[in-house]
Protein backbone atom coordinates (compact mmCIF):
# COMPACT_ATOMS: atom_id res chain seq x y z
CA UNK A 1 0.00 0.00 0.00
CA UNK A 2 1.32 3.46 -0.89
CA UNK A 3 1.72 5.62 2.23
CA UNK A 4 -0.91 8.34 2.56
CA UNK A 5 1.66 11.13 2.69
CA UNK A 6 3.09 9.94 -0.64
CA UNK A 7 -0.38 10.02 -2.19
CA UNK A 8 -0.86 13.60 -1.00
CA UNK A 9 2.58 14.55 -2.31
CA UNK A 10 1.87 13.06 -5.72
CA UNK A 11 -1.47 14.82 -5.85
CA UNK A 12 0.16 18.13 -4.99
CA UNK A 13 2.80 17.66 -7.66
CA UNK A 14 0.17 16.81 -10.26
CA UNK A 15 -1.86 19.87 -9.29
CA UNK A 16 1.20 22.10 -9.57
CA UNK A 17 2.01 20.61 -12.97
CA UNK A 18 -1.50 21.24 -14.25
CA UNK A 19 -1.52 24.76 -12.87
CA UNK A 20 1.79 25.61 -14.53
CA UNK A 21 0.63 24.28 -17.87
CA UNK A 22 -1.27 27.48 -18.65
CA UNK A 23 1.18 30.00 -17.21
CA UNK A 24 1.75 31.58 -20.63
CA UNK A 25 -1.78 32.97 -20.37
CA UNK A 26 -1.34 34.39 -16.88
CA UNK A 27 -3.08 37.79 -16.56
CA UNK A 28 -4.36 37.64 -20.12
CA UNK A 29 -7.89 39.01 -19.98
CA UNK A 30 -11.05 38.38 -21.99
CA UNK A 31 -13.39 41.21 -22.94
CA UNK A 32 -16.84 41.48 -24.45
CA UNK A 33 -17.02 44.29 -27.00
CA UNK A 34 -20.37 45.52 -28.34
CA UNK A 35 -20.39 46.97 -31.86
CA UNK A 36 -23.50 48.77 -33.07
CA UNK A 37 -22.36 50.17 -36.42
CA UNK A 38 -20.28 49.01 -39.37
CA UNK A 39 -17.69 51.70 -38.61
CA UNK A 40 -17.18 50.23 -35.15
CA UNK A 41 -17.00 46.76 -36.68
CA UNK A 42 -14.33 47.93 -39.12
CA UNK A 43 -12.32 49.45 -36.28
CA UNK A 44 -12.27 46.17 -34.38
CA UNK A 45 -11.03 44.37 -37.50
CA UNK A 46 -8.24 46.95 -37.81
CA UNK A 47 -7.29 46.55 -34.16
CA UNK A 48 -7.25 42.79 -34.57
CA UNK A 49 -4.36 43.24 -37.01
CA UNK A 50 -2.55 46.26 -35.58
CA UNK A 51 -2.60 45.04 -31.96
CA UNK A 52 -2.50 41.33 -32.89
CA UNK A 53 -5.59 40.60 -30.82
CA UNK A 54 -6.90 37.08 -30.41
CA UNK A 55 -10.57 37.30 -31.41
CA UNK A 56 -12.37 34.34 -29.88
CA UNK A 57 -15.75 35.23 -31.31
CA UNK A 58 -16.47 37.73 -34.05
CA UNK A 59 -19.28 40.16 -33.54
CA UNK A 60 -21.76 41.62 -35.95
CA UNK A 61 -23.69 44.85 -35.45
CA UNK A 62 -26.05 45.51 -33.88
CA UNK A 63 -26.63 42.44 -31.69
CA UNK A 64 -23.63 40.12 -31.72
CA UNK A 65 -20.70 40.99 -29.48
CA UNK A 66 -17.02 40.30 -29.92
CA UNK A 67 -15.16 38.16 -27.40
CA UNK A 68 -11.49 39.15 -27.42
CA UNK A 69 -8.43 37.99 -25.49
CA UNK A 70 -5.72 40.57 -24.85
CA UNK A 71 -2.31 40.30 -23.23
CA UNK A 72 -1.37 42.50 -20.27
CA UNK A 73 0.81 44.53 -22.64
CA UNK A 74 -2.08 45.12 -25.07
CA UNK A 75 -4.88 45.70 -22.60
CA UNK A 76 -4.61 49.40 -21.74
CA UNK A 77 -4.05 50.57 -25.32
CA UNK A 78 -6.95 48.41 -26.49
CA UNK A 79 -9.37 49.70 -23.85
CA UNK A 80 -8.30 53.31 -24.42
CA UNK A 81 -9.09 53.06 -28.12
CA UNK A 82 -12.50 51.55 -27.37
CA UNK A 83 -13.25 54.34 -24.90
CA UNK A 84 -12.06 57.03 -27.32
CA UNK A 85 -14.55 55.73 -29.89
CA UNK A 86 -17.38 55.24 -27.43
CA UNK A 87 -17.49 51.48 -27.93
CA UNK A 88 -19.07 49.60 -25.03
CA UNK A 89 -17.00 46.84 -23.44
CA UNK A 90 -16.95 44.69 -20.34
CA UNK A 91 -14.42 42.41 -18.68
CA UNK A 92 -15.41 38.77 -19.07
CA UNK A 93 -12.48 37.15 -17.30
CA UNK A 94 -9.36 38.68 -15.70
CA UNK A 95 -7.04 35.68 -16.00
CA UNK A 96 -7.13 33.21 -18.88
CA UNK A 97 -4.64 30.90 -17.13
CA UNK A 98 -7.04 30.41 -14.25
CA UNK A 99 -9.91 29.93 -16.70
CA UNK A 100 -8.09 27.04 -18.36
CA UNK A 101 -7.13 25.49 -15.03
CA UNK A 102 -10.83 25.42 -14.13
CA UNK A 103 -11.64 23.95 -17.53
CA UNK A 104 -9.08 21.16 -17.03
CA UNK A 105 -10.68 20.35 -13.70
CA UNK A 106 -14.12 20.21 -15.37
CA UNK A 107 -12.86 17.78 -18.00
CA UNK A 108 -11.15 15.58 -15.41
CA UNK A 109 -14.34 15.39 -13.34
CA UNK A 110 -16.45 14.69 -16.44
CA UNK A 111 -14.19 11.86 -17.55
CA UNK A 112 -14.25 10.38 -14.06
CA UNK A 113 -18.05 10.46 -13.98
CA UNK A 114 -18.22 8.96 -17.48
CA UNK A 115 -16.05 6.05 -16.39
CA UNK A 116 -18.34 5.48 -13.43
CA UNK A 117 -21.38 5.41 -15.74
CA UNK A 118 -19.98 3.46 -18.69
CA UNK A 119 -16.71 1.86 -17.52
CA UNK A 120 -15.11 3.38 -20.62
CA UNK A 121 -14.58 6.79 -22.23
CA UNK A 122 -17.18 7.46 -24.93
CA UNK A 123 -15.23 9.70 -27.32
CA UNK A 124 -18.20 11.55 -28.79
CA UNK A 125 -19.46 12.45 -25.31
CA UNK A 126 -16.10 13.82 -24.25
CA UNK A 127 -13.06 15.80 -25.36
CA UNK A 128 -11.04 12.86 -26.71
CA UNK A 129 -7.33 12.74 -27.41
CA UNK A 130 -5.90 11.99 -30.84
CA UNK A 131 -5.24 8.39 -29.74
CA UNK A 132 -8.80 7.96 -28.46
CA UNK A 133 -10.20 9.23 -31.76
CA UNK A 134 -8.07 6.79 -33.72
CA UNK A 135 -9.09 3.95 -31.42
CA UNK A 136 -12.73 4.74 -32.09
CA UNK A 137 -12.23 4.89 -35.89
CA UNK A 138 -10.42 1.56 -35.80
CA UNK A 139 -13.13 0.03 -33.64
CA UNK A 140 -15.89 1.13 -36.03
CA UNK A 141 -14.02 -0.19 -39.06
CA UNK A 142 -13.38 -3.54 -37.35
CA UNK A 143 -16.91 -3.99 -36.00
CA UNK A 144 -18.78 -2.83 -39.11
CA UNK A 145 -16.63 -3.85 -42.09
CA UNK A 146 -19.63 -3.93 -44.42
CA UNK A 147 -20.31 -0.25 -43.78
CA UNK A 148 -17.11 1.47 -42.71
CA UNK A 149 -13.67 1.62 -44.30
CA UNK A 150 -10.78 3.25 -42.45
CA UNK A 151 -8.40 5.20 -44.67
CA UNK A 152 -5.04 6.68 -43.72
CA UNK A 153 -4.56 9.74 -45.91
CA UNK A 154 -0.92 10.00 -44.87
CA UNK A 155 1.29 11.38 -42.11
CA UNK A 156 0.99 14.85 -40.65
CA UNK A 157 4.07 17.07 -40.59
CA UNK A 158 5.12 15.49 -37.28
CA UNK A 159 4.28 11.97 -38.41
CA UNK A 160 0.80 11.38 -36.99
CA UNK A 161 -1.56 9.47 -39.26
CA UNK A 162 -4.41 11.56 -40.65
CA UNK A 163 -7.31 9.11 -40.74
CA UNK A 164 -10.86 9.21 -41.99
CA UNK A 165 -13.80 6.86 -42.43
CA UNK A 166 -15.70 6.10 -45.61
CA UNK A 167 -19.23 4.99 -44.74
CA UNK A 168 -21.29 3.29 -47.43
CA UNK A 169 -23.67 0.38 -47.93
CA UNK A 170 -22.10 -0.25 -51.35
CA UNK A 171 -18.41 0.41 -50.60
CA UNK A 172 -18.56 3.58 -52.71
CA UNK A 173 -19.30 1.63 -55.90
CA UNK A 174 -22.76 3.09 -56.55
CA UNK A 175 -22.02 6.28 -58.44
CA UNK A 176 -25.67 7.34 -58.35
CA UNK A 177 -25.26 8.18 -54.66
CA UNK A 178 -24.00 11.63 -53.65
CA UNK A 179 -21.21 11.98 -51.11
CA UNK A 180 -21.35 14.11 -47.98
CA UNK A 181 -17.82 15.06 -46.89
CA UNK A 182 -17.32 16.62 -43.46
CA UNK A 183 -14.19 17.34 -41.49
CA UNK A 184 -13.31 18.92 -38.15
CA UNK A 185 -10.50 20.36 -36.06
CA UNK A 186 -8.64 22.12 -38.85
CA UNK A 187 -8.08 24.78 -36.17
CA UNK A 188 -6.38 23.00 -33.30
CA UNK A 189 -8.03 24.76 -30.37
CA UNK A 190 -11.59 24.10 -31.53
CA UNK A 191 -11.93 20.89 -29.56
CA UNK A 192 -15.73 20.71 -29.53
CA UNK A 193 -15.78 20.06 -33.29
CA UNK A 194 -14.20 16.61 -32.95
CA UNK A 195 -17.05 14.98 -30.96
CA UNK A 196 -19.55 16.21 -33.58
CA UNK A 197 -17.69 14.32 -36.31
CA UNK A 198 -17.51 11.19 -34.13
CA UNK A 199 -21.18 11.42 -33.19
CA UNK A 200 -22.07 11.59 -36.89
CA UNK A 201 -20.24 8.29 -37.34
CA UNK A 202 -22.07 6.88 -34.33
CA UNK A 203 -25.50 7.82 -35.67
CA UNK A 204 -24.77 6.46 -39.14
CA UNK A 205 -23.25 3.16 -38.01
CA UNK A 206 -23.76 2.23 -34.36
CA UNK A 207 -27.07 3.94 -33.71
CA UNK A 208 -28.82 4.10 -37.08
CA UNK A 209 -32.49 4.75 -36.45
CA UNK A 210 -35.37 3.82 -38.70
CA UNK A 211 -36.12 7.42 -39.62
CA UNK A 212 -32.52 7.95 -40.70
CA UNK A 213 -32.00 4.81 -42.78
CA UNK A 214 -32.24 6.85 -45.99
CA UNK A 215 -29.16 8.82 -44.93
CA UNK A 216 -27.09 5.65 -45.01
CA UNK A 217 -28.75 3.87 -47.94
CA UNK A 218 -28.99 6.85 -50.33
CA UNK A 219 -25.83 8.79 -49.42
CA UNK A 220 -22.15 7.91 -48.98
CA UNK A 221 -20.16 9.67 -46.28
CA UNK A 222 -16.54 10.72 -45.75
CA UNK A 223 -15.78 11.83 -42.19
CA UNK A 224 -12.38 13.20 -41.16
CA UNK A 225 -12.49 14.00 -37.43
CA UNK A 226 -9.08 15.66 -37.00
CA UNK A 227 -7.58 17.48 -39.97
CA UNK A 228 -4.79 18.99 -37.89
CA UNK A 229 -3.58 16.34 -35.39
CA UNK A 230 -0.23 17.99 -34.64
CA UNK A 231 -1.79 21.29 -33.66
CA UNK A 232 -4.59 19.50 -31.84
CA UNK A 233 -2.23 17.52 -29.61
CA UNK A 234 -0.03 20.57 -29.08
CA UNK A 235 -3.08 22.51 -27.88
CA UNK A 236 -3.85 19.71 -25.42
CA UNK A 237 -0.35 19.38 -24.00
CA UNK A 238 1.29 22.82 -24.24
CA UNK A 239 -0.70 25.81 -25.54
CA UNK A 240 -4.46 25.55 -25.16
CA UNK A 241 -5.10 28.35 -27.69
CA UNK A 242 -2.84 26.97 -30.41
CA UNK A 243 -4.73 27.26 -33.72
CA UNK A 244 -2.25 26.49 -36.47
CA UNK A 245 -0.42 23.47 -37.82
CA UNK A 246 3.04 22.59 -36.46
CA UNK A 247 5.21 22.70 -39.57
CA UNK A 248 8.58 24.41 -39.40
CA UNK A 249 10.23 26.55 -42.07
CA UNK A 250 13.52 28.00 -40.91
CA UNK A 251 13.74 30.29 -43.94
CA UNK A 252 10.52 32.00 -42.80
CA UNK A 253 11.00 32.04 -39.03
CA UNK A 254 13.28 30.32 -36.57
CA UNK A 255 10.85 30.79 -33.69
CA UNK A 256 7.32 30.46 -35.10
CA UNK A 257 5.71 27.21 -36.16
CA UNK A 258 2.85 26.31 -38.43
CA UNK A 259 0.32 28.14 -40.57
CA UNK A 260 -3.40 28.75 -40.45
CA UNK A 261 -4.55 25.65 -42.31
CA UNK A 262 -7.84 27.31 -43.16
CA UNK A 263 -5.97 29.99 -45.10
CA UNK A 264 -3.68 27.53 -46.89
CA UNK A 265 -5.96 26.42 -49.74
CA UNK A 266 -5.41 27.49 -53.34
CA UNK A 267 -8.26 29.95 -53.73
CA UNK A 268 -7.35 33.66 -53.86
CA UNK A 269 -4.40 32.59 -51.72
CA UNK A 270 -2.74 35.24 -49.53
CA UNK A 271 -4.86 38.12 -50.79
CA UNK A 272 -7.27 39.14 -48.03
CA UNK A 273 -7.96 38.36 -44.39
CA UNK A 274 -4.46 37.03 -43.71
CA UNK A 275 -1.30 38.27 -42.05
CA UNK A 276 2.23 38.49 -43.46
CA UNK A 277 3.57 37.94 -39.95
CA UNK A 278 4.70 34.28 -39.75
CA UNK A 279 3.82 34.28 -36.03
CA UNK A 280 0.24 35.51 -36.51
CA UNK A 281 -2.80 33.29 -36.00
CA UNK A 282 -3.91 33.82 -39.62
CA UNK A 283 -0.57 33.46 -41.38
CA UNK A 284 -1.35 31.47 -44.57
CA UNK A 285 2.09 30.02 -45.31
CA UNK A 286 4.47 30.62 -48.18
CA UNK A 287 2.37 28.88 -50.82
CA UNK A 288 -0.95 27.07 -51.21
CA UNK A 289 -1.00 23.54 -49.83
CA UNK A 290 2.34 23.92 -48.08
CA UNK A 291 0.88 21.69 -45.34
CA UNK A 292 0.38 17.94 -45.81
CA UNK A 293 -2.86 18.17 -43.84
CA UNK A 294 -4.50 20.59 -46.29
CA UNK A 295 -3.24 18.51 -49.20
CA UNK A 296 -5.12 15.50 -47.83
CA UNK A 297 -8.39 17.44 -47.75
CA UNK A 298 -7.72 18.60 -51.30
CA UNK A 299 -6.95 15.07 -52.48
CA UNK A 300 -10.17 13.68 -51.00
CA UNK A 301 -12.13 16.39 -52.76
CA UNK A 302 -10.57 15.64 -56.12
CA UNK A 303 -10.79 11.86 -55.77
CA UNK A 304 -14.57 12.09 -55.43
CA UNK A 305 -15.26 15.45 -57.02
CA UNK A 306 -17.91 14.15 -59.41
CA UNK A 307 -19.97 12.83 -56.50
CA UNK A 308 -19.30 15.11 -53.53
CA UNK A 309 -22.51 17.07 -53.25
CA UNK A 310 -21.79 18.70 -49.92
CA UNK A 311 -18.69 19.66 -47.97
CA UNK A 312 -18.87 20.83 -44.35
CA UNK A 313 -15.83 22.29 -42.59
CA UNK A 314 -16.75 22.32 -38.87
CA UNK A 315 -15.47 25.05 -36.56
CA UNK A 316 -16.33 26.67 -33.25
CA UNK A 317 -17.89 28.92 -32.29
CA UNK A 318 -20.67 31.48 -32.83
CA UNK A 319 -23.73 29.82 -34.43
CA UNK A 320 -22.91 30.66 -38.04
CA UNK A 321 -23.39 28.71 -41.25
CA UNK A 322 -21.25 30.37 -43.88
CA UNK A 323 -20.56 29.95 -47.57
CA UNK A 324 -18.35 31.54 -50.24
CA UNK A 325 -16.74 33.46 -51.35
CA UNK A 326 -14.47 35.20 -48.89
CA UNK A 327 -14.13 38.25 -51.14
CA UNK A 328 -17.93 38.93 -50.95
CA UNK A 329 -18.63 37.54 -54.44
CA UNK A 330 -21.26 34.80 -54.64
CA UNK A 331 -21.30 31.41 -56.38
CA UNK A 332 -23.64 31.01 -59.33
CA UNK A 333 -25.89 28.70 -57.30
CA UNK A 334 -25.94 30.91 -54.21
CA UNK A 335 -29.74 30.73 -53.88
CA UNK A 336 -29.57 26.95 -53.70
CA UNK A 337 -26.67 27.16 -51.25
CA UNK A 338 -28.70 29.48 -49.04
CA UNK A 339 -31.70 27.15 -49.33
CA UNK A 340 -29.78 24.12 -48.06
CA UNK A 341 -27.96 26.17 -45.42
CA UNK A 342 -31.20 27.68 -44.13
CA UNK A 343 -32.74 24.21 -43.83
CA UNK A 344 -29.73 23.08 -41.83
CA UNK A 345 -29.82 26.10 -39.56
CA UNK A 346 -33.56 25.78 -38.97
CA UNK A 347 -33.24 22.10 -38.03
CA UNK A 348 -30.55 22.93 -35.49
CA UNK A 349 -32.46 25.91 -34.12
CA UNK A 350 -35.52 23.72 -33.54
CA UNK A 351 -33.51 21.82 -30.90
CA UNK A 352 -31.30 24.58 -29.51
CA UNK A 353 -31.08 25.54 -25.86
CA UNK A 354 -32.88 28.74 -24.84
CA UNK A 355 -29.60 30.53 -24.07
CA UNK A 356 -28.13 29.72 -27.49
CA UNK A 357 -28.26 32.09 -30.41
CA UNK A 358 -30.15 31.30 -33.55
CA UNK A 359 -27.93 30.33 -36.47
CA UNK A 360 -27.26 32.97 -39.08
CA UNK A 361 -26.77 31.76 -42.64
CA UNK A 362 -25.01 33.69 -45.37
CA UNK A 363 -21.85 34.69 -47.18
CA UNK A 364 -18.82 34.50 -44.90
CA UNK A 365 -17.35 37.85 -45.95
CA UNK A 366 -20.62 39.73 -45.66
CA UNK A 367 -21.72 38.25 -42.33
CA UNK A 368 -18.29 38.11 -40.69
CA UNK A 369 -15.11 39.21 -42.44
CA UNK A 370 -13.21 38.74 -45.74
CA UNK A 371 -10.90 35.75 -46.06
CA UNK A 372 -8.79 33.97 -48.65
CA UNK A 373 -7.49 30.44 -48.92
CA UNK A 374 -10.29 28.79 -46.92
CA UNK A 375 -11.39 25.18 -47.27
CA UNK A 376 -14.97 26.33 -47.74
CA UNK A 377 -14.07 28.56 -50.68
CA UNK A 378 -11.79 25.97 -52.23
CA UNK A 379 -14.47 23.29 -52.22
CA UNK A 380 -16.91 25.69 -53.85
CA UNK A 381 -14.39 26.91 -56.41
CA UNK A 382 -13.42 23.46 -57.68
CA UNK A 383 -17.02 22.40 -58.20
CA UNK A 384 -18.58 21.04 -54.99
CA UNK A 385 -22.15 22.37 -55.24
CA UNK A 386 -22.67 22.98 -51.51
CA UNK A 387 -19.62 24.00 -49.49
CA UNK A 388 -19.95 25.46 -45.99
CA UNK A 389 -18.23 26.49 -42.79
CA UNK A 390 -20.24 25.55 -39.71
CA UNK A 391 -19.50 27.48 -36.50
CA UNK A 392 -20.91 25.56 -33.54
CA UNK A 393 -22.45 27.22 -30.46
CA UNK A 394 -20.25 28.47 -27.64
CA UNK A 395 -22.88 29.38 -25.01
CA UNK A 396 -20.64 32.32 -23.92
CA UNK A 397 -17.89 29.85 -22.94
CA UNK A 398 -15.80 30.33 -26.09
CA UNK A 399 -13.22 27.50 -26.35
CA UNK A 400 -14.11 26.23 -22.87
CA UNK A 401 -17.55 24.81 -23.58
CA UNK A 402 -18.22 22.54 -20.58
CA UNK A 403 -18.29 18.87 -21.58
CA UNK A 404 -21.85 18.65 -20.24
CA UNK A 405 -22.93 20.56 -23.37
CA UNK A 406 -21.34 18.15 -25.85
CA UNK A 407 -24.36 15.86 -26.11
CA UNK A 408 -26.61 18.83 -26.85
CA UNK A 409 -24.30 20.12 -29.57
CA UNK A 410 -24.00 16.66 -31.09
CA UNK A 411 -27.75 16.05 -31.13
CA UNK A 412 -28.79 19.37 -32.60
CA UNK A 413 -26.00 19.38 -35.16
CA UNK A 414 -26.94 15.88 -36.26
CA UNK A 415 -30.45 17.15 -36.98
CA UNK A 416 -28.94 19.88 -39.15
CA UNK A 417 -26.66 17.45 -40.96
CA UNK A 418 -29.62 15.18 -41.71
CA UNK A 419 -31.74 18.04 -43.04
CA UNK A 420 -28.96 19.37 -45.26
CA UNK A 421 -28.06 15.90 -46.55
CA UNK A 422 -31.63 15.17 -47.62
CA UNK A 423 -32.13 18.51 -49.34
CA UNK A 424 -28.73 18.44 -51.07
CA UNK A 425 -29.52 14.90 -52.26
CA UNK A 426 -32.65 16.20 -54.03
CA UNK A 427 -30.49 18.75 -55.88
CA UNK A 428 -28.07 15.94 -56.76
CA UNK A 429 -30.85 13.89 -58.30
CA UNK A 430 -32.02 16.91 -60.25
CA UNK A 431 -28.59 17.42 -61.83
CA UNK A 432 -27.96 13.69 -62.46
């Protein structure tokens, strides 16, 4: 038996280790900023670049606020500018490090309670690790070989396998069936997106219900739960707010790693909504598809381009369903895109919690901000009829959505996926 004083000592050491994990965010503060006009909105976008702010949630006048993290060095200048322009703001949290310590404690307690209920970790009801996600994909492929095929697209920059499932009753041989391609966690810190992808697999394979049988029999699915495994694991172990990939290019920077994978696609690359600073959150890289992870998404698109009817790039957070293009121009079939997107948003909203916002559907540049090089735009540009970015709800918690909300997000998002899949399938039949 281990002596009691040793147990206490180990516990204290573990607590100190967890507390120190987030020290880089010590005294970073989080602010709510209310914009009521487009001029105020434009100013915040300018400050985002000039002060290198970390915008956790983008606002939209007159009724959607910004949530912004600032460092101690940025804070006073940032607040002074807001005051000078009469922009309302409020402190949401004084210390991001402490916020993440509390979040870690929540996750640990949730996992403990899940083990007591189920004797195992259910990955789509939790914040799973990269290894737990892969274990689940391998389990599904092994248990349901007639429906699910596990594919390794290739290694990430740091050598982790990028894996996805193909789900089909006909092993992808029936070319009359459209394909629904969804992926998640292209931005490393957006952890709540991964369970949604896994829950989609669960509902199509393990828990297929009578009313949803058409979704499996009439549609083929490609589901890639973690596009950016290196960044994802780095955000779990070292920097909770890490967003980018983890590639290294000494000729660009000897200190900064990675690029914004969702600015790395070959569509209006490096033209708008990006930073030239190789350390910035939205640095796009030196060239399109410099990252192996974005090349895998591209290759899946092209392999099945004739049949992919819908592409969904899942992010968090803000209750948005966005489509191209990032320069404010619209695809030729934008009315159809809005139709399918509105059906998806309405299906989710029908199940939403009272405190959640309603989804807004529209062009990404018009509703939020201009971008270039996004996965959403690339899918649309190369010929996928319906290509979207889905921003999941945050319930005011930003990237710290308590795990108790995961089941709600999964359930409501599944309803939206089902609605969009059925409507997009009707358009597919019409064009076939």
